[in-house]
């Protein structure tokens, strides 16, 4: 594999991190001045928040699972095992789930769905550019993979264990650290809720 190929994929991976960072900042900014129409002590509000916490943890664990399979092999071969047997972009899928979990910390169903849609649309642009690069890189092998496996929404019936390749702890650690950013949402939004209740922060809009 040439240095150009490796650096090309590196650019897309950097773009993915940048998109994720921008989305997280935008989400925090939106939630800073937004509030659910369901009061914090209602069942709906609490249930939405709890579902959001589960989505955040699922997103983090899922991203680690993806890294176990992709772990440095993306520039050398078409990885088709584990989560990559069900969707071509499982890292983006799990990141979208985590983003939905962040939105859910507002206690709003609309924010939960809206953040997931926003994240998926942003990643869609990255996916399209990355696919063109991978097709040029791997040719027929990648085209066959594209024909068999869906781009985004997982098809569970396609699951195959596959080979995880060589384990690279550093990559797993980096993915874990990236994912932990989502967990920051939990204490931060508790503080935001408190600030809004006490009037320290203005509430500019409300979402059901």
N, C-alpha and C. Protein backbone atom coordinates (compact mmCIF):
# COMPACT_ATOMS: atom_id res chain seq x y z
N UNK A 1 0.84 -1.19 0.00
CA UNK A 1 0.00 0.00 0.00
C UNK A 1 0.88 1.24 0.00
N UNK A 2 0.64 2.18 -0.93
CA UNK A 2 1.48 3.36 -1.04
C UNK A 2 1.19 4.36 0.08
N UNK A 3 2.13 5.27 0.26
CA UNK A 3 1.94 6.32 1.26
C UNK A 3 0.76 7.22 0.92
N UNK A 4 0.53 7.43 -0.39
CA UNK A 4 -0.58 8.26 -0.83
C UNK A 4 -1.91 7.65 -0.42
N UNK A 5 -2.03 6.31 -0.57
CA UNK A 5 -3.25 5.61 -0.20
C UNK A 5 -3.50 5.73 1.30
N UNK A 6 -2.44 5.54 2.08
CA UNK A 6 -2.56 5.59 3.53
C UNK A 6 -2.92 7.00 3.99
N UNK A 7 -2.24 8.01 3.41
CA UNK A 7 -2.52 9.39 3.80
C UNK A 7 -3.91 9.81 3.35
N UNK A 8 -4.38 9.23 2.24
CA UNK A 8 -5.73 9.54 1.76
C UNK A 8 -6.78 9.10 2.75
N UNK A 9 -6.66 7.88 3.24
CA UNK A 9 -7.60 7.39 4.24
C UNK A 9 -7.43 8.14 5.55
N UNK A 10 -6.20 8.53 5.84
CA UNK A 10 -5.95 9.30 7.05
C UNK A 10 -6.70 10.63 7.02
N UNK A 11 -6.76 11.24 5.84
CA UNK A 11 -7.49 12.51 5.71
C UNK A 11 -8.96 12.32 5.98
N UNK A 12 -9.53 11.21 5.47
CA UNK A 12 -10.95 10.95 5.71
C UNK A 12 -11.23 10.66 7.18
N UNK A 13 -10.31 9.97 7.83
CA UNK A 13 -10.47 9.70 9.26
C UNK A 13 -10.38 10.99 10.06
N UNK A 14 -9.49 11.90 9.64
CA UNK A 14 -9.40 13.20 10.30
C UNK A 14 -10.68 14.00 10.06
N UNK A 15 -11.22 13.89 8.85
CA UNK A 15 -12.46 14.58 8.53
C UNK A 15 -13.60 14.05 9.40
N UNK A 16 -13.62 12.73 9.61
CA UNK A 16 -14.65 12.13 10.45
C UNK A 16 -14.58 12.69 11.87
N UNK A 17 -13.36 12.79 12.41
CA UNK A 17 -13.21 13.33 13.76
C UNK A 17 -13.63 14.80 13.82
N UNK A 18 -13.29 15.56 12.77
CA UNK A 18 -13.66 16.97 12.73
C UNK A 18 -15.17 17.14 12.68
N UNK A 19 -15.83 16.35 11.84
CA UNK A 19 -17.29 16.41 11.73
C UNK A 19 -17.92 16.08 13.08
N UNK A 20 -17.40 15.04 13.74
CA UNK A 20 -17.93 14.63 15.03
C UNK A 20 -17.74 15.73 16.07
N UNK A 21 -16.58 16.36 16.05
CA UNK A 21 -16.30 17.43 17.01
C UNK A 21 -17.23 18.63 16.80
N UNK A 22 -17.42 19.01 15.53
CA UNK A 22 -18.30 20.14 15.21
C UNK A 22 -19.73 19.84 15.63
N UNK A 23 -20.18 18.61 15.37
CA UNK A 23 -21.54 18.22 15.75
C UNK A 23 -21.74 18.28 17.25
N UNK A 24 -20.74 17.80 17.99
CA UNK A 24 -20.85 17.80 19.45
C UNK A 24 -20.93 19.22 19.99
N UNK A 25 -20.09 20.11 19.44
CA UNK A 25 -20.13 21.51 19.87
C UNK A 25 -21.49 22.14 19.55
N UNK A 26 -22.02 21.83 18.35
CA UNK A 26 -23.32 22.37 17.96
C UNK A 26 -24.42 21.85 18.87
N UNK A 27 -24.33 20.57 19.24
CA UNK A 27 -25.33 19.98 20.13
C UNK A 27 -25.31 20.64 21.50
N UNK A 28 -24.11 20.82 22.04
CA UNK A 28 -23.99 21.45 23.35
C UNK A 28 -24.53 22.88 23.31
N UNK A 29 -24.24 23.59 22.21
CA UNK A 29 -24.72 24.97 22.08
C UNK A 29 -26.25 25.01 22.04
N UNK A 30 -26.85 24.06 21.29
CA UNK A 30 -28.31 24.01 21.19
C UNK A 30 -28.94 23.68 22.54
N UNK A 31 -28.38 22.70 23.23
CA UNK A 31 -28.94 22.27 24.50
C UNK A 31 -28.72 23.29 25.60
N UNK A 32 -27.75 24.17 25.40
CA UNK A 32 -27.46 25.17 26.41
C UNK A 32 -28.65 26.11 26.62
N UNK A 33 -29.39 26.37 25.53
CA UNK A 33 -30.49 27.32 25.62
C UNK A 33 -31.85 26.69 25.30
N UNK A 34 -31.88 25.35 25.18
CA UNK A 34 -33.13 24.67 24.89
C UNK A 34 -33.61 23.86 26.07
N UNK A 35 -34.90 23.55 26.06
CA UNK A 35 -35.48 22.77 27.16
C UNK A 35 -36.64 21.96 26.62
N UNK A 36 -36.88 20.83 27.25
CA UNK A 36 -38.00 19.98 26.86
C UNK A 36 -39.31 20.57 27.36
N UNK A 37 -40.37 20.32 26.61
CA UNK A 37 -41.69 20.74 27.08
C UNK A 37 -42.17 19.83 28.22
N UNK A 38 -41.50 18.67 28.37
CA UNK A 38 -41.82 17.79 29.48
C UNK A 38 -40.98 18.20 30.70
N UNK A 39 -41.58 18.59 31.79
CA UNK A 39 -40.81 18.99 32.99
C UNK A 39 -39.88 17.87 33.45
N UNK A 40 -38.75 18.23 34.08
CA UNK A 40 -37.74 17.24 34.49
C UNK A 40 -38.25 16.14 35.40
N UNK A 41 -39.31 16.40 36.16
CA UNK A 41 -39.80 15.40 37.11
C UNK A 41 -40.89 14.51 36.55
N UNK A 42 -41.17 14.62 35.23
CA UNK A 42 -42.21 13.79 34.63
C UNK A 42 -41.64 12.47 34.13
N UNK A 43 -42.50 11.48 33.99
CA UNK A 43 -42.07 10.15 33.55
C UNK A 43 -41.47 10.18 32.16
N UNK A 44 -42.11 10.93 31.25
CA UNK A 44 -41.62 10.98 29.86
C UNK A 44 -40.20 11.54 29.82
N UNK A 45 -39.97 12.62 30.54
CA UNK A 45 -38.65 13.24 30.57
C UNK A 45 -37.60 12.26 31.09
N UNK A 46 -37.91 11.59 32.18
CA UNK A 46 -36.96 10.66 32.79
C UNK A 46 -36.69 9.47 31.88
N UNK A 47 -37.74 8.96 31.24
CA UNK A 47 -37.57 7.80 30.35
C UNK A 47 -36.71 8.17 29.15
N UNK A 48 -36.96 9.34 28.56
CA UNK A 48 -36.16 9.78 27.41
C UNK A 48 -34.69 9.92 27.80
N UNK A 49 -34.43 10.49 28.98
CA UNK A 49 -33.05 10.63 29.44
C UNK A 49 -32.39 9.27 29.64
N UNK A 50 -33.10 8.32 30.23
CA UNK A 50 -32.54 6.99 30.49
C UNK A 50 -32.25 6.26 29.17
N UNK A 51 -33.17 6.38 28.21
CA UNK A 51 -32.94 5.78 26.90
C UNK A 51 -31.70 6.42 26.27
N UNK A 52 -31.55 7.72 26.46
CA UNK A 52 -30.38 8.41 25.93
C UNK A 52 -29.09 7.91 26.52
N UNK A 53 -29.08 7.65 27.81
CA UNK A 53 -27.87 7.11 28.46
C UNK A 53 -27.52 5.74 27.87
N UNK A 54 -28.53 4.92 27.65
CA UNK A 54 -28.29 3.60 27.04
C UNK A 54 -27.73 3.76 25.62
N UNK A 55 -28.25 4.72 24.87
CA UNK A 55 -27.77 4.95 23.50
C UNK A 55 -26.31 5.42 23.50
N UNK A 56 -25.97 6.27 24.46
CA UNK A 56 -24.58 6.74 24.54
C UNK A 56 -23.63 5.58 24.82
N UNK A 57 -23.99 4.73 25.79
CA UNK A 57 -23.14 3.58 26.10
C UNK A 57 -23.08 2.59 24.94
N UNK A 58 -24.21 2.39 24.26
CA UNK A 58 -24.23 1.51 23.09
C UNK A 58 -23.33 2.07 22.00
N UNK A 59 -23.37 3.38 21.81
CA UNK A 59 -22.53 4.01 20.81
C UNK A 59 -21.05 3.84 21.12
N UNK A 60 -20.67 4.01 22.38
CA UNK A 60 -19.26 3.89 22.77
C UNK A 60 -18.78 2.45 22.62
N UNK A 61 -19.56 1.50 23.12
CA UNK A 61 -19.19 0.08 23.02
C UNK A 61 -19.14 -0.35 21.55
N UNK A 62 -20.11 0.13 20.77
CA UNK A 62 -20.15 -0.22 19.35
C UNK A 62 -18.94 0.30 18.60
N UNK A 63 -18.51 1.51 18.93
CA UNK A 63 -17.32 2.06 18.28
C UNK A 63 -16.07 1.26 18.64
N UNK A 64 -15.99 0.78 19.87
CA UNK A 64 -14.87 -0.07 20.27
C UNK A 64 -14.91 -1.39 19.50
N UNK A 65 -16.10 -1.93 19.35
CA UNK A 65 -16.27 -3.18 18.59
C UNK A 65 -15.79 -3.01 17.16
N UNK A 66 -16.14 -1.88 16.55
CA UNK A 66 -15.69 -1.60 15.18
C UNK A 66 -14.17 -1.53 15.10
N UNK A 67 -13.56 -0.89 16.08
CA UNK A 67 -12.11 -0.72 16.08
C UNK A 67 -11.38 -2.05 16.20
N UNK A 68 -11.98 -3.01 16.92
CA UNK A 68 -11.38 -4.33 17.03
C UNK A 68 -11.23 -4.99 15.65
N UNK A 69 -12.16 -4.67 14.75
CA UNK A 69 -12.13 -5.27 13.42
C UNK A 69 -11.34 -4.43 12.42
N UNK A 70 -11.54 -3.10 12.48
CA UNK A 70 -10.92 -2.26 11.46
C UNK A 70 -9.47 -1.95 11.80
N UNK A 71 -9.17 -1.89 13.14
CA UNK A 71 -7.87 -1.61 13.73
C UNK A 71 -6.66 -1.48 12.83
N UNK A 72 -6.56 -0.46 12.04
CA UNK A 72 -5.38 -0.25 11.21
C UNK A 72 -5.39 -0.99 9.89
N UNK A 73 -6.48 -1.75 9.61
CA UNK A 73 -6.52 -2.55 8.37
C UNK A 73 -7.25 -1.86 7.23
N UNK A 74 -7.87 -0.71 7.51
CA UNK A 74 -8.72 -0.09 6.50
C UNK A 74 -7.96 0.30 5.24
N UNK A 75 -6.69 0.64 5.40
CA UNK A 75 -5.90 1.04 4.23
C UNK A 75 -5.26 -0.15 3.53
N UNK A 76 -5.43 -1.37 4.09
CA UNK A 76 -4.77 -2.52 3.50
C UNK A 76 -5.69 -3.56 2.91
N UNK A 77 -6.96 -3.57 3.35
CA UNK A 77 -7.89 -4.58 2.84
C UNK A 77 -9.33 -4.14 3.09
N UNK A 78 -10.25 -4.83 2.43
CA UNK A 78 -11.68 -4.57 2.65
C UNK A 78 -12.11 -5.40 3.85
N UNK A 79 -12.41 -4.75 4.96
CA UNK A 79 -12.82 -5.45 6.18
C UNK A 79 -14.31 -5.75 6.08
N UNK A 80 -14.67 -7.03 6.20
CA UNK A 80 -16.07 -7.43 5.99
C UNK A 80 -16.64 -8.24 7.15
N UNK A 81 -15.90 -8.37 8.26
CA UNK A 81 -16.37 -9.18 9.38
C UNK A 81 -16.99 -8.35 10.49
N UNK A 82 -17.64 -9.02 11.43
CA UNK A 82 -18.22 -8.36 12.59
C UNK A 82 -19.23 -7.30 12.19
N UNK A 83 -19.14 -6.10 12.75
CA UNK A 83 -20.11 -5.04 12.41
C UNK A 83 -20.06 -4.65 10.94
N UNK A 84 -18.91 -4.85 10.30
CA UNK A 84 -18.76 -4.50 8.89
C UNK A 84 -19.44 -5.50 7.96
N UNK A 85 -19.93 -6.60 8.52
CA UNK A 85 -20.69 -7.55 7.70
C UNK A 85 -22.15 -7.13 7.57
N UNK A 86 -22.60 -6.22 8.44
CA UNK A 86 -24.01 -5.80 8.45
C UNK A 86 -24.21 -4.41 7.85
N UNK A 87 -23.20 -3.57 7.95
CA UNK A 87 -23.25 -2.22 7.39
C UNK A 87 -21.83 -1.81 7.02
N UNK A 88 -21.70 -1.03 5.96
CA UNK A 88 -20.36 -0.63 5.53
C UNK A 88 -19.77 0.47 6.41
N UNK A 89 -20.60 1.11 7.20
CA UNK A 89 -20.12 2.23 8.01
C UNK A 89 -20.60 2.14 9.46
N UNK A 90 -20.24 1.07 10.15
CA UNK A 90 -20.74 0.90 11.53
C UNK A 90 -20.23 1.96 12.50
N UNK A 91 -19.03 2.50 12.28
CA UNK A 91 -18.55 3.57 13.15
C UNK A 91 -19.48 4.78 13.11
N UNK A 92 -19.97 5.10 11.92
CA UNK A 92 -20.89 6.22 11.78
C UNK A 92 -22.25 5.88 12.39
N UNK A 93 -22.66 4.64 12.25
CA UNK A 93 -23.95 4.22 12.83
C UNK A 93 -23.92 4.37 14.35
N UNK A 94 -22.84 3.85 14.97
CA UNK A 94 -22.77 3.93 16.43
C UNK A 94 -22.55 5.36 16.91
N UNK A 95 -21.85 6.17 16.14
CA UNK A 95 -21.70 7.58 16.50
C UNK A 95 -23.04 8.29 16.44
N UNK A 96 -23.87 7.92 15.47
CA UNK A 96 -25.20 8.51 15.34
C UNK A 96 -26.07 8.13 16.52
N UNK A 97 -25.98 6.87 16.97
CA UNK A 97 -26.73 6.43 18.15
C UNK A 97 -26.31 7.23 19.38
N UNK A 98 -25.00 7.43 19.52
CA UNK A 98 -24.50 8.20 20.66
C UNK A 98 -24.98 9.65 20.59
N UNK A 99 -25.02 10.21 19.38
CA UNK A 99 -25.50 11.58 19.21
C UNK A 99 -26.98 11.68 19.60
N UNK A 100 -27.75 10.66 19.24
CA UNK A 100 -29.15 10.63 19.66
C UNK A 100 -29.25 10.60 21.18
N UNK A 101 -28.34 9.86 21.81
CA UNK A 101 -28.33 9.80 23.26
C UNK A 101 -28.02 11.14 23.89
N UNK A 102 -27.14 11.90 23.25
CA UNK A 102 -26.83 13.26 23.73
C UNK A 102 -28.07 14.14 23.64
N UNK A 103 -28.77 14.08 22.50
CA UNK A 103 -29.99 14.87 22.34
C UNK A 103 -31.05 14.50 23.36
N UNK A 104 -31.08 13.23 23.73
CA UNK A 104 -32.08 12.74 24.69
C UNK A 104 -31.88 13.32 26.08
N UNK A 105 -30.68 13.83 26.36
CA UNK A 105 -30.43 14.39 27.68
C UNK A 105 -31.22 15.68 27.91
N UNK A 106 -31.82 16.22 26.86
CA UNK A 106 -32.73 17.35 27.02
C UNK A 106 -34.08 16.86 27.53
N UNK A 107 -34.32 15.54 27.45
CA UNK A 107 -35.62 15.00 27.82
C UNK A 107 -36.64 15.18 26.74
N UNK A 108 -36.16 15.43 25.52
CA UNK A 108 -37.02 15.72 24.38
C UNK A 108 -36.92 14.64 23.32
N UNK A 109 -38.07 14.14 22.88
CA UNK A 109 -38.10 13.13 21.82
C UNK A 109 -37.65 13.75 20.50
N UNK A 110 -38.07 14.99 20.26
CA UNK A 110 -37.70 15.68 19.01
C UNK A 110 -36.19 15.90 18.96
N UNK A 111 -35.59 16.29 20.09
CA UNK A 111 -34.14 16.51 20.12
C UNK A 111 -33.39 15.20 19.90
N UNK A 112 -33.91 14.12 20.45
CA UNK A 112 -33.28 12.81 20.28
C UNK A 112 -33.22 12.42 18.81
N UNK A 113 -34.37 12.51 18.16
CA UNK A 113 -34.45 12.15 16.73
C UNK A 113 -33.69 13.17 15.88
N UNK A 114 -33.83 14.43 16.22
CA UNK A 114 -33.19 15.49 15.43
C UNK A 114 -31.68 15.40 15.44
N UNK A 115 -31.10 15.11 16.60
CA UNK A 115 -29.65 14.99 16.67
C UNK A 115 -29.16 13.79 15.88
N UNK A 116 -29.92 12.70 15.91
CA UNK A 116 -29.55 11.51 15.14
C UNK A 116 -29.58 11.81 13.64
N UNK A 117 -30.62 12.49 13.20
CA UNK A 117 -30.75 12.83 11.78
C UNK A 117 -29.64 13.79 11.34
N UNK A 118 -29.37 14.79 12.17
CA UNK A 118 -28.31 15.76 11.86
C UNK A 118 -26.96 15.06 11.74
N UNK A 119 -26.68 14.17 12.67
CA UNK A 119 -25.41 13.44 12.65
C UNK A 119 -25.31 12.55 11.41
N UNK A 120 -26.39 11.83 11.11
CA UNK A 120 -26.39 10.92 9.96
C UNK A 120 -26.20 11.69 8.65
N UNK A 121 -26.83 12.85 8.53
CA UNK A 121 -26.69 13.65 7.31
C UNK A 121 -25.27 14.18 7.15
N UNK A 122 -24.68 14.61 8.26
CA UNK A 122 -23.31 15.12 8.20
C UNK A 122 -22.34 14.02 7.81
N UNK A 123 -22.52 12.85 8.38
CA UNK A 123 -21.64 11.73 8.06
C UNK A 123 -21.87 11.23 6.64
N UNK A 124 -23.08 11.41 6.12
CA UNK A 124 -23.39 10.94 4.76
C UNK A 124 -22.45 11.59 3.74
N UNK A 125 -22.17 12.87 3.95
CA UNK A 125 -21.26 13.58 3.04
C UNK A 125 -19.86 12.97 3.09
N UNK A 126 -19.41 12.66 4.31
CA UNK A 126 -18.09 12.04 4.47
C UNK A 126 -18.07 10.65 3.84
N UNK A 127 -19.15 9.90 4.04
CA UNK A 127 -19.23 8.53 3.52
C UNK A 127 -19.11 8.52 2.00
N UNK A 128 -19.81 9.42 1.33
CA UNK A 128 -19.79 9.44 -0.13
C UNK A 128 -18.37 9.69 -0.66
N UNK A 129 -17.66 10.60 -0.02
CA UNK A 129 -16.29 10.90 -0.45
C UNK A 129 -15.36 9.72 -0.13
N UNK A 130 -15.57 9.11 1.01
CA UNK A 130 -14.72 7.99 1.41
C UNK A 130 -14.94 6.79 0.49
N UNK A 131 -16.19 6.58 0.07
CA UNK A 131 -16.49 5.44 -0.81
C UNK A 131 -15.78 5.55 -2.14
N UNK A 132 -15.72 6.75 -2.68
CA UNK A 132 -15.01 6.94 -3.96
C UNK A 132 -13.53 6.59 -3.82
N UNK A 133 -12.98 6.96 -2.69
CA UNK A 133 -11.56 6.66 -2.45
C UNK A 133 -11.35 5.15 -2.29
N UNK A 134 -12.22 4.49 -1.55
CA UNK A 134 -12.08 3.05 -1.31
C UNK A 134 -12.29 2.25 -2.60
N UNK A 135 -13.21 2.70 -3.44
CA UNK A 135 -13.43 2.00 -4.71
C UNK A 135 -12.20 2.11 -5.61
N UNK A 136 -11.58 3.28 -5.64
CA UNK A 136 -10.35 3.44 -6.42
C UNK A 136 -9.21 2.63 -5.82
N UNK A 137 -9.23 2.46 -4.51
CA UNK A 137 -8.15 1.77 -3.82
C UNK A 137 -8.24 0.25 -3.96
N UNK A 138 -9.46 -0.29 -3.83
CA UNK A 138 -9.62 -1.74 -3.79
C UNK A 138 -10.33 -2.34 -5.00
N UNK A 139 -10.90 -1.51 -5.85
CA UNK A 139 -11.49 -1.99 -7.09
C UNK A 139 -12.62 -2.99 -6.93
N UNK A 140 -12.49 -4.13 -7.59
CA UNK A 140 -13.56 -5.13 -7.65
C UNK A 140 -13.94 -5.67 -6.28
N UNK A 141 -12.98 -5.82 -5.40
CA UNK A 141 -13.26 -6.36 -4.06
C UNK A 141 -14.21 -5.44 -3.30
N UNK A 142 -13.98 -4.14 -3.43
CA UNK A 142 -14.84 -3.19 -2.72
C UNK A 142 -16.21 -3.10 -3.41
N UNK A 143 -16.25 -3.16 -4.73
CA UNK A 143 -17.52 -3.12 -5.45
C UNK A 143 -18.41 -4.31 -5.05
N UNK A 144 -17.80 -5.48 -4.91
CA UNK A 144 -18.56 -6.66 -4.48
C UNK A 144 -19.11 -6.46 -3.07
N UNK A 145 -18.32 -5.86 -2.23
CA UNK A 145 -18.75 -5.57 -0.85
C UNK A 145 -19.92 -4.59 -0.85
N UNK A 146 -19.83 -3.56 -1.68
CA UNK A 146 -20.90 -2.57 -1.79
C UNK A 146 -22.20 -3.20 -2.24
N UNK A 147 -22.12 -4.13 -3.17
CA UNK A 147 -23.32 -4.78 -3.69
C UNK A 147 -23.98 -5.68 -2.65
N UNK A 148 -23.20 -6.16 -1.71
CA UNK A 148 -23.70 -7.15 -0.73
C UNK A 148 -24.17 -6.51 0.58
N UNK A 149 -23.51 -5.45 1.01
CA UNK A 149 -23.74 -4.89 2.34
C UNK A 149 -24.29 -3.47 2.24
N UNK A 150 -25.34 -3.13 3.01
CA UNK A 150 -25.92 -1.79 2.94
C UNK A 150 -24.96 -0.71 3.43
N UNK A 151 -25.15 0.51 2.93
CA UNK A 151 -24.25 1.62 3.26
C UNK A 151 -24.35 2.02 4.72
N UNK A 152 -25.57 2.11 5.26
CA UNK A 152 -25.71 2.67 6.60
C UNK A 152 -26.56 1.79 7.53
N UNK A 153 -27.83 1.64 7.23
CA UNK A 153 -28.71 0.90 8.13
C UNK A 153 -28.33 -0.58 8.14
N UNK A 154 -27.98 -1.13 9.31
CA UNK A 154 -27.49 -2.52 9.38
C UNK A 154 -28.55 -3.54 8.97
N UNK A 155 -28.09 -4.58 8.30
CA UNK A 155 -28.93 -5.73 7.97
C UNK A 155 -28.42 -6.90 8.81
N UNK A 156 -29.12 -7.19 9.91
CA UNK A 156 -28.64 -8.14 10.90
C UNK A 156 -28.46 -9.54 10.34
N UNK A 157 -29.26 -9.90 9.35
CA UNK A 157 -29.20 -11.25 8.80
C UNK A 157 -27.88 -11.52 8.07
N UNK A 158 -27.13 -10.48 7.76
CA UNK A 158 -25.85 -10.64 7.05
C UNK A 158 -24.69 -10.92 8.00
N UNK A 159 -24.93 -10.90 9.29
CA UNK A 159 -23.82 -10.95 10.25
C UNK A 159 -22.92 -12.17 10.07
N UNK A 160 -21.62 -11.90 10.05
CA UNK A 160 -20.59 -12.94 10.03
C UNK A 160 -19.47 -12.50 10.98
N UNK A 161 -18.95 -13.45 11.73
CA UNK A 161 -17.95 -13.12 12.73
C UNK A 161 -16.70 -12.52 12.11
N UNK A 162 -16.14 -13.18 11.13
CA UNK A 162 -14.95 -12.67 10.46
C UNK A 162 -13.71 -12.69 11.34
N UNK A 163 -12.66 -12.05 10.83
CA UNK A 163 -11.35 -12.04 11.51
C UNK A 163 -11.07 -10.63 12.01
N UNK A 164 -10.65 -10.52 13.27
CA UNK A 164 -10.35 -9.20 13.83
C UNK A 164 -8.96 -8.72 13.46
N UNK A 165 -8.15 -9.57 12.86
CA UNK A 165 -6.79 -9.17 12.49
C UNK A 165 -5.92 -9.00 13.72
N UNK A 166 -4.85 -8.25 13.59
CA UNK A 166 -3.94 -8.03 14.71
C UNK A 166 -4.50 -6.95 15.64
N UNK A 167 -4.44 -7.21 16.92
CA UNK A 167 -4.98 -6.29 17.91
C UNK A 167 -4.03 -5.12 18.13
N UNK A 168 -4.56 -3.89 18.08
CA UNK A 168 -3.74 -2.69 18.27
C UNK A 168 -4.32 -1.87 19.42
N UNK A 169 -3.78 -2.04 20.63
CA UNK A 169 -4.32 -1.37 21.81
C UNK A 169 -4.41 0.15 21.68
N UNK A 170 -3.45 0.77 21.01
CA UNK A 170 -3.45 2.22 20.90
C UNK A 170 -4.67 2.73 20.15
N UNK A 171 -5.03 2.03 19.06
CA UNK A 171 -6.20 2.43 18.29
C UNK A 171 -7.47 2.28 19.13
N UNK A 172 -7.52 1.20 19.90
CA UNK A 172 -8.68 0.96 20.76
C UNK A 172 -8.79 2.06 21.82
N UNK A 173 -7.65 2.45 22.38
CA UNK A 173 -7.63 3.51 23.38
C UNK A 173 -8.07 4.83 22.78
N UNK A 174 -7.60 5.14 21.57
CA UNK A 174 -7.99 6.39 20.91
C UNK A 174 -9.50 6.43 20.65
N UNK A 175 -10.05 5.29 20.25
CA UNK A 175 -11.49 5.22 20.00
C UNK A 175 -12.27 5.40 21.30
N UNK A 176 -11.76 4.80 22.37
CA UNK A 176 -12.40 4.94 23.67
C UNK A 176 -12.40 6.40 24.12
N UNK A 177 -11.27 7.06 23.97
CA UNK A 177 -11.16 8.47 24.37
C UNK A 177 -12.09 9.35 23.54
N UNK A 178 -12.17 9.05 22.23
CA UNK A 178 -13.10 9.80 21.38
C UNK A 178 -14.54 9.62 21.86
N UNK A 179 -14.88 8.37 22.18
CA UNK A 179 -16.25 8.07 22.60
C UNK A 179 -16.61 8.66 23.94
N UNK A 180 -15.63 8.80 24.81
CA UNK A 180 -15.91 9.33 26.15
C UNK A 180 -16.39 10.77 26.11
N UNK A 181 -16.16 11.45 24.99
CA UNK A 181 -16.67 12.81 24.84
C UNK A 181 -18.19 12.82 25.00
N UNK A 182 -18.84 11.76 24.51
CA UNK A 182 -20.30 11.68 24.63
C UNK A 182 -20.73 11.61 26.09
N UNK A 183 -19.93 10.96 26.91
CA UNK A 183 -20.28 10.82 28.32
C UNK A 183 -20.25 12.15 29.06
N UNK A 184 -19.48 13.09 28.52
CA UNK A 184 -19.43 14.41 29.14
C UNK A 184 -20.83 15.04 29.16
N UNK A 185 -21.68 14.59 28.23
CA UNK A 185 -23.03 15.13 28.16
C UNK A 185 -23.80 14.92 29.46
N UNK A 186 -23.54 13.82 30.14
CA UNK A 186 -24.35 13.48 31.32
C UNK A 186 -24.22 14.50 32.44
N UNK A 187 -23.02 14.74 32.98
CA UNK A 187 -22.93 15.75 34.04
C UNK A 187 -23.16 17.18 33.55
N UNK A 188 -22.73 17.46 32.32
CA UNK A 188 -22.88 18.82 31.79
C UNK A 188 -24.35 19.21 31.69
N UNK A 189 -25.19 18.30 31.19
CA UNK A 189 -26.59 18.65 31.02
C UNK A 189 -27.35 18.69 32.34
N UNK A 190 -26.85 17.98 33.33
CA UNK A 190 -27.42 18.13 34.67
C UNK A 190 -27.17 19.54 35.18
N UNK A 191 -25.96 20.04 34.94
CA UNK A 191 -25.63 21.41 35.34
C UNK A 191 -26.45 22.43 34.56
N UNK A 192 -26.65 22.15 33.25
CA UNK A 192 -27.45 23.04 32.42
C UNK A 192 -28.90 23.08 32.92
N UNK A 193 -29.45 21.90 33.23
CA UNK A 193 -30.81 21.83 33.77
C UNK A 193 -30.94 22.68 35.04
N UNK A 194 -29.95 22.54 35.91
CA UNK A 194 -29.99 23.28 37.17
C UNK A 194 -29.90 24.79 36.90
N UNK A 195 -29.02 25.19 35.98
CA UNK A 195 -28.86 26.61 35.66
C UNK A 195 -30.13 27.18 35.04
N UNK A 196 -30.83 26.38 34.23
CA UNK A 196 -32.07 26.86 33.62
C UNK A 196 -33.18 26.99 34.65
N UNK A 197 -33.25 26.02 35.57
CA UNK A 197 -34.28 26.05 36.61
C UNK A 197 -34.10 27.26 37.53
N UNK A 198 -32.84 27.56 37.84
CA UNK A 198 -32.56 28.69 38.74
C UNK A 198 -32.57 30.03 38.02
N UNK A 199 -32.67 30.00 36.70
CA UNK A 199 -32.71 31.24 35.93
C UNK A 199 -31.36 31.78 35.53
N UNK A 200 -30.30 31.03 35.84
CA UNK A 200 -28.95 31.48 35.47
C UNK A 200 -28.74 31.42 33.97
N UNK A 201 -29.45 30.50 33.30
CA UNK A 201 -29.41 30.40 31.84
C UNK A 201 -30.80 30.65 31.28
N UNK A 202 -30.91 31.47 30.23
CA UNK A 202 -32.24 31.69 29.63
C UNK A 202 -32.65 30.49 28.78
N UNK A 203 -33.93 30.21 28.72
CA UNK A 203 -34.48 29.17 27.85
C UNK A 203 -35.07 29.85 26.63
N UNK A 204 -34.42 29.66 25.49
CA UNK A 204 -34.82 30.36 24.27
C UNK A 204 -35.84 29.57 23.44
N UNK A 205 -35.87 28.25 23.62
CA UNK A 205 -36.84 27.45 22.87
C UNK A 205 -37.14 26.17 23.64
N UNK A 206 -38.27 25.56 23.31
CA UNK A 206 -38.68 24.30 23.94
C UNK A 206 -39.06 23.30 22.86
N UNK A 207 -38.75 22.05 23.12
CA UNK A 207 -39.06 20.97 22.18
C UNK A 207 -39.80 19.84 22.88
N UNK A 208 -40.81 19.26 22.22
CA UNK A 208 -41.53 18.14 22.83
C UNK A 208 -40.68 16.87 22.87
